[in-house]
Amino acid sequence: MVQKGRAARGRAAAVATLVAVPLLAVFLAIGNEPLSTFVFDGDSMQQIARDAIRHADALNVGVMSPGDGAREKVILDHVVQSLQARYGEHILPEPRWIFNNAGGAMGAMLVLHCSLSEYVILFGTALGTEGHTGRFLADDYFTILYGEQWAFPAGSLTKEIYRPGDQHWLPRYTSKQYKMPDSCWALEYARGNILSMIPFGLLDTFTSTADVVPLAQTIYVSAYGMVREMIRGKF
């Protein structure tokens, strides 16, 4: 009986290994060519952001009454419209703002695209926030639309400052402390293994906020976006 039990456990371990190894290989391949295809790129995101800022400048919005939300709205609306015009069906229809707590920071995000290998969101806060960037199997391109973002990599004695039009690139496998000292909005584009980023975006619900509404909203829009893109053949 003991030998039979050991043999059964051995067979179960072998089967588990045969299943787990290919699944792990597929997981690690997500976000890398040739398995994944990419629609967006960091340079295009920065250009769209800068065009929106110039559009607000041309309208002279927010000059006389900064902080009233008018300039922010013009810029964010222009970004969304530009993305819809350029990328069509790859932009989610009727996106909605969702609270996001991650790495100790809090803000709101508008998910515009989510697939296994890319996401595009608007992220920001009207109050300011501070936290950990996260460390991912993906590159993150954070282009400032309004306000400032400060960042600090371990070992540095000075802060990095990113202003409207600047793009903060966080290479995969790296992390920083970051801060939005006041009202700040950005166009964020991530490129790589998006599945690896999801736990970071959800764990604060269980360790801090206990707010299940944005948790459910985030899971829904992420799953919806990924399935929607997979049906189109984009991974």
C-alpha atoms as a PDB file:
ATOM      1  CA  MET A   1       0.000   0.000   0.000  1.00  0.00           C
ATOM      2  CA  VAL A   2       2.817   2.376   0.874  1.00  0.00           C
ATOM      3  CA  GLN A   3       4.549   1.675  -2.419  1.00  0.00           C
ATOM      4  CA  LYS A   4       1.298   2.164  -4.336  1.00  0.00           C
ATOM      5  CA  GLY A   5       0.742   5.462  -2.539  1.00  0.00           C
ATOM      6  CA  ARG A   6       4.227   6.644  -3.402  1.00  0.00           C
ATOM      7  CA  ALA A   7       3.764   5.590  -7.018  1.00  0.00           C
ATOM      8  CA  ALA A   8       0.439   7.480  -7.203  1.00  0.00           C
ATOM      9  CA  ARG A   9       2.026  10.596  -5.740  1.00  0.00           C
ATOM     10  CA  GLY A  10       4.914  10.257  -8.184  1.00  0.00           C
ATOM     11  CA  ARG A  11       2.529  10.036 -11.128  1.00  0.00           C
ATOM     12  CA  ALA A  12       0.554  13.042  -9.847  1.00  0.00           C
ATOM     13  CA  ALA A  13       3.750  15.060  -9.481  1.00  0.00           C
ATOM     14  CA  ALA A  14       4.826  14.114 -12.992  1.00  0.00           C
ATOM     15  CA  VAL A  15       1.452  15.124 -14.444  1.00  0.00           C
ATOM     16  CA  ALA A  16       1.521  18.396 -12.507  1.00  0.00           C
ATOM     17  CA  THR A  17       4.995  19.120 -13.833  1.00  0.00           C
ATOM     18  CA  LEU A  18       3.960  18.332 -17.401  1.00  0.00           C
ATOM     19  CA  VAL A  19       1.057  20.763 -17.066  1.00  0.00           C
ATOM     20  CA  ALA A  20       2.831  23.485 -15.083  1.00  0.00           C
ATOM     21  CA  VAL A  21       5.977  23.789 -17.215  1.00  0.00           C
ATOM     22  CA  PRO A  22       4.160  24.576 -20.498  1.00  0.00           C
ATOM     23  CA  LEU A  23       1.786  26.948 -18.706  1.00  0.00           C
ATOM     24  CA  LEU A  24       4.728  28.767 -17.127  1.00  0.00           C
ATOM     25  CA  ALA A  25       6.450  28.972 -20.499  1.00  0.00           C
ATOM     26  CA  VAL A  26       3.344  30.482 -22.088  1.00  0.00           C
ATOM     27  CA  PHE A  27       2.936  32.936 -19.207  1.00  0.00           C
ATOM     28  CA  LEU A  28       6.539  34.121 -19.527  1.00  0.00           C
ATOM     29  CA  ALA A  29       6.168  34.396 -23.315  1.00  0.00           C
ATOM     30  CA  ILE A  30       3.232  36.800 -23.009  1.00  0.00           C
ATOM     31  CA  GLY A  31       4.338  40.297 -23.871  1.00  0.00           C
ATOM     32  CA  ASN A  32       7.174  39.099 -26.093  1.00  0.00           C
ATOM     33  CA  GLU A  33       7.276  38.530 -29.821  1.00  0.00           C
ATOM     34  CA  PRO A  34       6.338  36.376 -31.670  1.00  0.00           C
ATOM     35  CA  LEU A  35       3.517  35.325 -29.320  1.00  0.00           C
ATOM     36  CA  SER A  36       2.358  38.882 -28.663  1.00  0.00           C
ATOM     37  CA  THR A  37       1.565  41.595 -31.173  1.00  0.00           C
ATOM     38  CA  PHE A  38       1.709  45.304 -30.371  1.00  0.00           C
ATOM     39  CA  VAL A  39      -0.583  48.085 -31.520  1.00  0.00           C
ATOM     40  CA  PHE A  40       0.768  51.020 -29.516  1.00  0.00           C
ATOM     41  CA  ASP A  41       4.206  52.435 -28.741  1.00  0.00           C
ATOM     42  CA  GLY A  42       5.668  54.917 -26.284  1.00  0.00           C
ATOM     43  CA  ASP A  43       6.612  57.536 -28.873  1.00  0.00           C
ATOM     44  CA  SER A  44       3.065  57.701 -30.242  1.00  0.00           C
ATOM     45  CA  MET A  45       1.652  58.054 -26.739  1.00  0.00           C
ATOM     46  CA  GLN A  46       3.957  60.979 -26.025  1.00  0.00           C
ATOM     47  CA  GLN A  47       3.029  62.645 -29.315  1.00  0.00           C
ATOM     48  CA  ILE A  48      -0.689  62.303 -28.581  1.00  0.00           C
ATOM     49  CA  ALA A  49      -0.132  63.748 -25.106  1.00  0.00           C
ATOM     50  CA  ARG A  50       1.853  66.711 -26.435  1.00  0.00           C
ATOM     51  CA  ASP A  51      -0.763  67.397 -29.113  1.00  0.00           C
ATOM     52  CA  ALA A  52      -3.438  67.545 -26.402  1.00  0.00           C
ATOM     53  CA  ILE A  53      -1.363  69.959 -24.325  1.00  0.00           C
ATOM     54  CA  ARG A  54      -0.796  72.195 -27.351  1.00  0.00           C
ATOM     55  CA  HIS A  55      -4.531  72.063 -28.076  1.00  0.00           C
ATOM     56  CA  ALA A  56      -5.288  73.351 -24.577  1.00  0.00           C
ATOM     57  CA  ASP A  57      -2.625  76.039 -24.962  1.00  0.00           C
ATOM     58  CA  ALA A  58      -4.174  77.190 -28.247  1.00  0.00           C
ATOM     59  CA  LEU A  59      -7.556  77.506 -26.560  1.00  0.00           C
ATOM     60  CA  ASN A  60      -5.935  79.442 -23.715  1.00  0.00           C
ATOM     61  CA  VAL A  61      -7.742  77.174 -21.264  1.00  0.00           C
ATOM     62  CA  GLY A  62      -6.909  77.372 -17.563  1.00  0.00           C
ATOM     63  CA  VAL A  63      -4.715  80.456 -17.770  1.00  0.00           C
ATOM     64  CA  MET A  64      -6.986  82.757 -15.795  1.00  0.00           C
ATOM     65  CA  SER A  65      -8.355  80.111 -13.430  1.00  0.00           C
ATOM     66  CA  PRO A  66      -5.839  77.284 -12.971  1.00  0.00           C
ATOM     67  CA  GLY A  67      -7.026  74.353 -10.913  1.00  0.00           C
ATOM     68  CA  ASP A  68     -10.700  74.648 -11.819  1.00  0.00           C
ATOM     69  CA  GLY A  69     -10.561  71.457 -13.874  1.00  0.00           C
ATOM     70  CA  ALA A  70     -11.219  73.108 -17.229  1.00  0.00           C
ATOM     71  CA  ARG A  71      -7.716  72.619 -18.648  1.00  0.00           C
ATOM     72  CA  GLU A  72      -7.525  69.068 -17.372  1.00  0.00           C
ATOM     73  CA  LYS A  73     -10.837  68.172 -19.019  1.00  0.00           C
ATOM     74  CA  VAL A  74      -9.844  69.674 -22.377  1.00  0.00           C
ATOM     75  CA  ILE A  75      -6.562  67.758 -22.383  1.00  0.00           C
ATOM     76  CA  LEU A  76      -8.013  64.428 -21.257  1.00  0.00           C
ATOM     77  CA  ASP A  77     -10.913  64.631 -23.716  1.00  0.00           C
ATOM     78  CA  HIS A  78      -8.513  65.425 -26.556  1.00  0.00           C
ATOM     79  CA  VAL A  79      -6.321  62.433 -25.665  1.00  0.00           C
ATOM     80  CA  VAL A  80      -9.300  60.062 -25.671  1.00  0.00           C
ATOM     81  CA  GLN A  81     -10.570  61.425 -28.984  1.00  0.00           C
ATOM     82  CA  SER A  82      -7.130  61.153 -30.556  1.00  0.00           C
ATOM     83  CA  LEU A  83      -6.732  57.562 -29.404  1.00  0.00           C
ATOM     84  CA  GLN A  84     -10.181  56.654 -30.724  1.00  0.00           C
ATOM     85  CA  ALA A  85      -9.420  58.270 -34.089  1.00  0.00           C
ATOM     86  CA  ARG A  86      -6.040  56.576 -34.424  1.00  0.00           C
ATOM     87  CA  TYR A  87      -6.657  53.121 -32.965  1.00  0.00           C
ATOM     88  CA  GLY A  88     -10.377  52.608 -33.577  1.00  0.00           C
ATOM     89  CA  GLU A  89     -11.764  49.357 -32.199  1.00  0.00           C
ATOM     90  CA  HIS A  90      -8.692  48.786 -30.036  1.00  0.00           C
ATOM     91  CA  ILE A  91     -10.013  51.525 -27.724  1.00  0.00           C
ATOM     92  CA  LEU A  92     -12.716  50.356 -25.339  1.00  0.00           C
ATOM     93  CA  PRO A  93     -16.159  51.895 -25.905  1.00  0.00           C
ATOM     94  CA  GLU A  94     -17.663  54.083 -23.174  1.00  0.00           C
ATOM     95  CA  PRO A  95     -14.830  53.796 -20.630  1.00  0.00           C
ATOM     96  CA  ARG A  96     -15.605  54.742 -17.030  1.00  0.00           C
ATOM     97  CA  TRP A  97     -13.434  56.132 -14.269  1.00  0.00           C
ATOM     98  CA  ILE A  98     -12.410  53.663 -11.563  1.00  0.00           C
ATOM     99  CA  PHE A  99     -10.577  54.252  -8.301  1.00  0.00           C
ATOM    100  CA  ASN A 100      -7.178  52.583  -8.200  1.00  0.00           C
ATOM    101  CA  ASN A 101      -5.149  51.813  -5.067  1.00  0.00           C
ATOM    102  CA  ALA A 102      -1.751  50.268  -5.759  1.00  0.00           C
ATOM    103  CA  GLY A 103       1.602  50.382  -4.029  1.00  0.00           C
ATOM    104  CA  GLY A 104       0.229  52.689  -1.353  1.00  0.00           C
ATOM    105  CA  ALA A 105      -0.861  55.348  -3.856  1.00  0.00           C
ATOM    106  CA  MET A 106      -4.429  56.255  -4.752  1.00  0.00           C
ATOM    107  CA  GLY A 107      -5.873  57.800  -7.865  1.00  0.00           C
ATOM    108  CA  ALA A 108      -8.473  57.223 -10.554  1.00  0.00           C
ATOM    109  CA  MET A 109      -8.002  55.528 -13.907  1.00  0.00           C
ATOM    110  CA  LEU A 110      -9.843  55.399 -17.190  1.00  0.00           C
ATOM    111  CA  VAL A 111      -9.053  52.114 -18.936  1.00  0.00           C
ATOM    112  CA  LEU A 112      -8.913  52.698 -22.697  1.00  0.00           C
ATOM    113  CA  HIS A 113      -7.231  49.486 -23.811  1.00  0.00           C
ATOM    114  CA  CYS A 114      -6.357  46.238 -22.077  1.00  0.00           C
ATOM    115  CA  SER A 115      -4.935  43.119 -23.685  1.00  0.00           C
ATOM    116  CA  LEU A 116      -2.479  40.432 -22.600  1.00  0.00           C
ATOM    117  CA  SER A 117       0.485  42.472 -23.828  1.00  0.00           C
ATOM    118  CA  GLU A 118      -0.570  46.143 -23.623  1.00  0.00           C
ATOM    119  CA  TYR A 119      -2.722  48.550 -21.686  1.00  0.00           C
ATOM    120  CA  VAL A 120      -3.493  52.221 -22.133  1.00  0.00           C
ATOM    121  CA  ILE A 121      -5.077  54.248 -19.361  1.00  0.00           C
ATOM    122  CA  LEU A 122      -5.520  57.766 -18.119  1.00  0.00           C
ATOM    123  CA  PHE A 123      -4.424  57.963 -14.490  1.00  0.00           C
ATOM    124  CA  GLY A 124      -4.316  60.768 -12.001  1.00  0.00           C
ATOM    125  CA  THR A 125      -5.571  62.532  -8.934  1.00  0.00           C
ATOM    126  CA  ALA A 126      -6.845  65.988  -8.087  1.00  0.00           C
ATOM    127  CA  LEU A 127      -5.270  65.812  -4.612  1.00  0.00           C
ATOM    128  CA  GLY A 128      -1.816  64.320  -5.012  1.00  0.00           C
ATOM    129  CA  THR A 129      -0.537  60.890  -3.998  1.00  0.00           C
ATOM    130  CA  GLU A 130       2.627  58.902  -3.331  1.00  0.00           C
ATOM    131  CA  GLY A 131       3.684  55.279  -3.497  1.00  0.00           C
ATOM    132  CA  HIS A 132       5.628  52.447  -5.103  1.00  0.00           C
ATOM    133  CA  THR A 133       5.653  52.122  -8.902  1.00  0.00           C
ATOM    134  CA  GLY A 134       5.628  48.344  -8.837  1.00  0.00           C
ATOM    135  CA  ARG A 135       8.167  46.049 -10.478  1.00  0.00           C
ATOM    136  CA  PHE A 136       6.866  44.266 -13.563  1.00  0.00           C
ATOM    137  CA  LEU A 137       7.563  42.050 -16.555  1.00  0.00           C
ATOM    138  CA  ALA A 138       6.594  45.053 -18.669  1.00  0.00           C
ATOM    139  CA  ASP A 139       7.838  48.491 -19.682  1.00  0.00           C
ATOM    140  CA  ASP A 140       5.764  51.421 -18.458  1.00  0.00           C
ATOM    141  CA  TYR A 141       5.547  54.769 -20.271  1.00  0.00           C
ATOM    142  CA  PHE A 142       3.979  57.482 -18.113  1.00  0.00           C
ATOM    143  CA  THR A 143       3.439  60.734 -20.038  1.00  0.00           C
ATOM    144  CA  ILE A 144       2.429  63.742 -17.962  1.00  0.00           C
ATOM    145  CA  LEU A 145      -0.587  65.692 -19.188  1.00  0.00           C
ATOM    146  CA  TYR A 146      -1.082  68.071 -16.283  1.00  0.00           C
ATOM    147  CA  GLY A 147       0.851  68.761 -13.084  1.00  0.00           C
ATOM    148  CA  GLU A 148       4.076  67.052 -12.047  1.00  0.00           C
ATOM    149  CA  GLN A 149       5.299  63.612 -11.103  1.00  0.00           C
ATOM    150  CA  TRP A 150       8.399  63.121  -8.980  1.00  0.00           C
ATOM    151  CA  ALA A 151      10.356  59.867  -8.896  1.00  0.00           C
ATOM    152  CA  PHE A 152      13.219  58.436  -6.879  1.00  0.00           C
ATOM    153  CA  PRO A 153      15.225  55.283  -7.691  1.00  0.00           C
ATOM    154  CA  ALA A 154      17.058  53.578  -4.841  1.00  0.00           C
ATOM    155  CA  GLY A 155      20.578  54.946  -4.566  1.00  0.00           C
ATOM    156  CA  SER A 156      19.790  58.372  -5.964  1.00  0.00           C
ATOM    157  CA  LEU A 157      20.206  61.477  -3.809  1.00  0.00           C
ATOM    158  CA  THR A 158      17.974  63.664  -5.967  1.00  0.00           C
ATOM    159  CA  LYS A 159      14.461  63.391  -7.342  1.00  0.00           C
ATOM    160  CA  GLU A 160      13.485  63.104 -10.975  1.00  0.00           C
ATOM    161  CA  ILE A 161      10.871  65.652 -12.063  1.00  0.00           C
ATOM    162  CA  TYR A 162       8.457  65.043 -14.932  1.00  0.00           C
ATOM    163  CA  ARG A 163       6.327  67.910 -16.254  1.00  0.00           C
ATOM    164  CA  PRO A 164       3.606  68.154 -18.937  1.00  0.00           C
ATOM    165  CA  GLY A 165       4.818  66.528 -22.146  1.00  0.00           C
ATOM    166  CA  ASP A 166       7.614  64.606 -20.400  1.00  0.00           C
ATOM    167  CA  GLN A 167       7.542  60.828 -20.493  1.00  0.00           C
ATOM    168  CA  HIS A 168       8.685  58.787 -17.507  1.00  0.00           C
ATOM    169  CA  TRP A 169       9.905  55.420 -18.785  1.00  0.00           C
ATOM    170  CA  LEU A 170      10.106  52.633 -16.211  1.00  0.00           C
ATOM    171  CA  PRO A 171      11.935  49.661 -17.779  1.00  0.00           C
ATOM    172  CA  ARG A 172      10.732  46.172 -16.934  1.00  0.00           C
ATOM    173  CA  TYR A 173      12.207  44.589 -13.788  1.00  0.00           C
ATOM    174  CA  THR A 174      12.829  48.039 -12.220  1.00  0.00           C
ATOM    175  CA  SER A 175      10.945  50.076  -9.627  1.00  0.00           C
ATOM    176  CA  LYS A 176      10.939  53.516  -8.003  1.00  0.00           C
ATOM    177  CA  GLN A 177       9.195  55.567  -5.383  1.00  0.00           C
ATOM    178  CA  TYR A 178       6.973  58.178  -7.003  1.00  0.00           C
ATOM    179  CA  LYS A 179       4.911  61.139  -5.953  1.00  0.00           C
ATOM    180  CA  MET A 180       2.353  63.432  -7.485  1.00  0.00           C
ATOM    181  CA  PRO A 181       2.708  66.424  -5.168  1.00  0.00           C
ATOM    182  CA  ASP A 182      -0.596  67.977  -6.248  1.00  0.00           C
ATOM    183  CA  SER A 183      -3.173  67.576  -8.997  1.00  0.00           C
ATOM    184  CA  CYS A 184      -1.616  65.472 -11.755  1.00  0.00           C
ATOM    185  CA  TRP A 185      -2.905  63.532 -14.754  1.00  0.00           C
ATOM    186  CA  ALA A 186      -1.061  61.267 -17.149  1.00  0.00           C
ATOM    187  CA  LEU A 187      -1.417  58.984 -20.149  1.00  0.00           C
ATOM    188  CA  GLU A 188       0.023  55.632 -19.143  1.00  0.00           C
ATOM    189  CA  TYR A 189       1.023  52.902 -21.564  1.00  0.00           C
ATOM    190  CA  ALA A 190       2.345  49.510 -20.473  1.00  0.00           C
ATOM    191  CA  ARG A 191       3.939  47.049 -22.899  1.00  0.00           C
ATOM    192  CA  GLY A 192       4.837  43.513 -21.894  1.00  0.00           C
ATOM    193  CA  ASN A 193       3.304  40.876 -19.650  1.00  0.00           C
ATOM    194  CA  ILE A 194       0.169  42.636 -18.433  1.00  0.00           C
ATOM    195  CA  LEU A 195      -0.989  39.621 -16.438  1.00  0.00           C
ATOM    196  CA  SER A 196       2.081  40.053 -14.237  1.00  0.00           C
ATOM    197  CA  MET A 197       0.905  43.564 -13.332  1.00  0.00           C
ATOM    198  CA  ILE A 198      -2.595  42.648 -12.173  1.00  0.00           C
ATOM    199  CA  PRO A 199      -1.774  41.491  -8.601  1.00  0.00           C
ATOM    200  CA  PHE A 200      -0.046  44.819  -7.855  1.00  0.00           C
ATOM    201  CA  GLY A 201      -3.173  46.657  -8.955  1.00  0.00           C
ATOM    202  CA  LEU A 202      -5.487  44.593  -6.757  1.00  0.00           C
ATOM    203  CA  LEU A 203      -3.677  43.671  -3.537  1.00  0.00           C
ATOM    204  CA  ASP A 204      -4.278  46.983  -1.753  1.00  0.00           C
ATOM    205  CA  THR A 205      -7.954  46.013  -1.613  1.00  0.00           C
ATOM    206  CA  PHE A 206      -7.083  43.104   0.678  1.00  0.00           C
ATOM    207  CA  THR A 207      -4.369  44.797   2.723  1.00  0.00           C
ATOM    208  CA  SER A 208      -5.799  48.300   3.075  1.00  0.00           C
ATOM    209  CA  THR A 209      -8.997  49.646   1.509  1.00  0.00           C
ATOM    210  CA  ALA A 210     -11.369  46.632   1.627  1.00  0.00           C
ATOM    211  CA  ASP A 211     -13.277  48.453  -1.126  1.00  0.00           C
ATOM    212  CA  VAL A 212     -14.553  45.676  -3.364  1.00  0.00           C
ATOM    213  CA  VAL A 213     -16.331  47.950  -5.856  1.00  0.00           C
ATOM    214  CA  PRO A 214     -13.196  49.141  -7.718  1.00  0.00           C
ATOM    215  CA  LEU A 215     -11.810  45.613  -7.336  1.00  0.00           C
ATOM    216  CA  ALA A 216     -14.774  44.174  -9.217  1.00  0.00           C
ATOM    217  CA  GLN A 217     -14.715  47.004 -11.764  1.00  0.00           C
ATOM    218  CA  THR A 218     -11.010  46.494 -12.453  1.00  0.00           C
ATOM    219  CA  ILE A 219     -11.342  42.725 -12.847  1.00  0.00           C
ATOM    220  CA  TYR A 220     -14.314  43.155 -15.168  1.00  0.00           C
ATOM    221  CA  VAL A 221     -12.789  45.769 -17.478  1.00  0.00           C
ATOM    222  CA  SER A 222      -9.458  43.900 -17.610  1.00  0.00           C
ATOM    223  CA  ALA A 223     -11.086  40.569 -18.458  1.00  0.00           C
ATOM    224  CA  TYR A 224     -13.463  42.200 -20.939  1.00  0.00           C
ATOM    225  CA  GLY A 225     -10.642  44.017 -22.707  1.00  0.00           C
ATOM    226  CA  MET A 226      -8.391  40.964 -22.868  1.00  0.00           C
ATOM    227  CA  VAL A 227     -11.088  38.654 -24.210  1.00  0.00           C
ATOM    228  CA  ARG A 228     -12.210  41.332 -26.671  1.00  0.00           C
ATOM    229  CA  GLU A 229      -8.682  41.600 -28.067  1.00  0.00           C
ATOM    230  CA  MET A 230      -8.062  37.843 -28.112  1.00  0.00           C
ATOM    231  CA  ILE A 231     -11.165  37.393 -30.256  1.00  0.00           C
ATOM    232  CA  ARG A 232      -9.482  39.753 -32.722  1.00  0.00           C
ATOM    233  CA  GLY A 233      -6.318  37.651 -32.607  1.00  0.00           C
ATOM    234  CA  LYS A 234      -4.311  40.069 -30.465  1.00  0.00           C
ATOM    235  CA  PHE A 235      -2.389  38.542 -27.569  1.00  0.00           C
END
